[in-house]
């Protein structure tokens, strides 16, 4: 349901999960990249003695 919400697709559209995942493929790569960068920054901050 998270992907449907990100795309703004209402549940009443009755899209199959496979269709939703195909549409979100590009967005998924972007989210993975963002998470990696956030983790890298967090590790950087924690390595300097914490917050």
Protein backbone atom coordinates (compact mmCIF):
# COMPACT_ATOMS: atom_id res chain seq x y z
CA UNK A 1 0.00 0.00 0.00
CA UNK A 2 2.99 2.29 0.46
CA UNK A 3 3.78 2.37 -3.25
CA UNK A 4 0.16 3.03 -4.15
CA UNK A 5 0.13 5.92 -1.72
CA UNK A 6 3.38 7.37 -3.10
CA UNK A 7 1.96 7.24 -6.61
CA UNK A 8 -1.34 8.75 -5.52
CA UNK A 9 -3.24 5.73 -6.83
CA UNK A 10 -6.48 5.10 -4.96
CA UNK A 11 -7.21 1.55 -3.87
CA UNK A 12 -10.41 1.70 -5.90
CA UNK A 13 -8.37 1.54 -9.13
CA UNK A 14 -8.01 -2.23 -8.56
CA UNK A 15 -4.46 -2.41 -9.90
CA UNK A 16 -2.64 -5.69 -9.44
CA UNK A 17 0.47 -5.71 -7.27
CA UNK A 18 2.63 -6.56 -10.28
CA UNK A 19 1.36 -3.50 -12.17
CA UNK A 20 2.06 -1.24 -9.22
CA UNK A 21 5.59 -2.62 -8.81
CA UNK A 22 6.33 -2.12 -12.51
CA UNK A 23 5.26 1.52 -12.29
CA UNK A 24 7.26 2.11 -9.12
CA UNK A 25 10.50 0.50 -10.31
CA UNK A 26 12.17 3.86 -10.99
CA UNK A 27 10.92 5.34 -7.72
CA UNK A 28 12.20 2.29 -5.83
CA UNK A 29 15.75 2.85 -7.11
CA UNK A 30 15.54 6.48 -6.03
CA UNK A 31 14.38 5.52 -2.54
CA UNK A 32 17.15 2.93 -2.19
CA UNK A 33 19.72 5.55 -3.20
CA UNK A 34 18.29 8.03 -0.67
CA UNK A 35 18.44 5.44 2.13
CA UNK A 36 22.08 4.63 1.32
CA UNK A 37 23.01 8.30 1.48
CA UNK A 38 21.15 8.77 4.76
CA UNK A 39 22.92 5.77 6.28
CA UNK A 40 26.28 7.02 5.05
CA UNK A 41 25.67 10.43 6.62
CA UNK A 42 24.51 8.83 9.88
CA UNK A 43 27.66 6.70 10.02
CA UNK A 44 29.74 9.81 9.36
CA UNK A 45 28.10 11.73 12.20
CA UNK A 46 28.26 8.83 14.66
CA UNK A 47 31.92 8.22 13.83
CA UNK A 48 32.79 11.75 14.96
CA UNK A 49 31.57 11.22 18.50
CA UNK A 50 27.83 11.18 18.05
CA UNK A 51 25.23 13.88 18.09
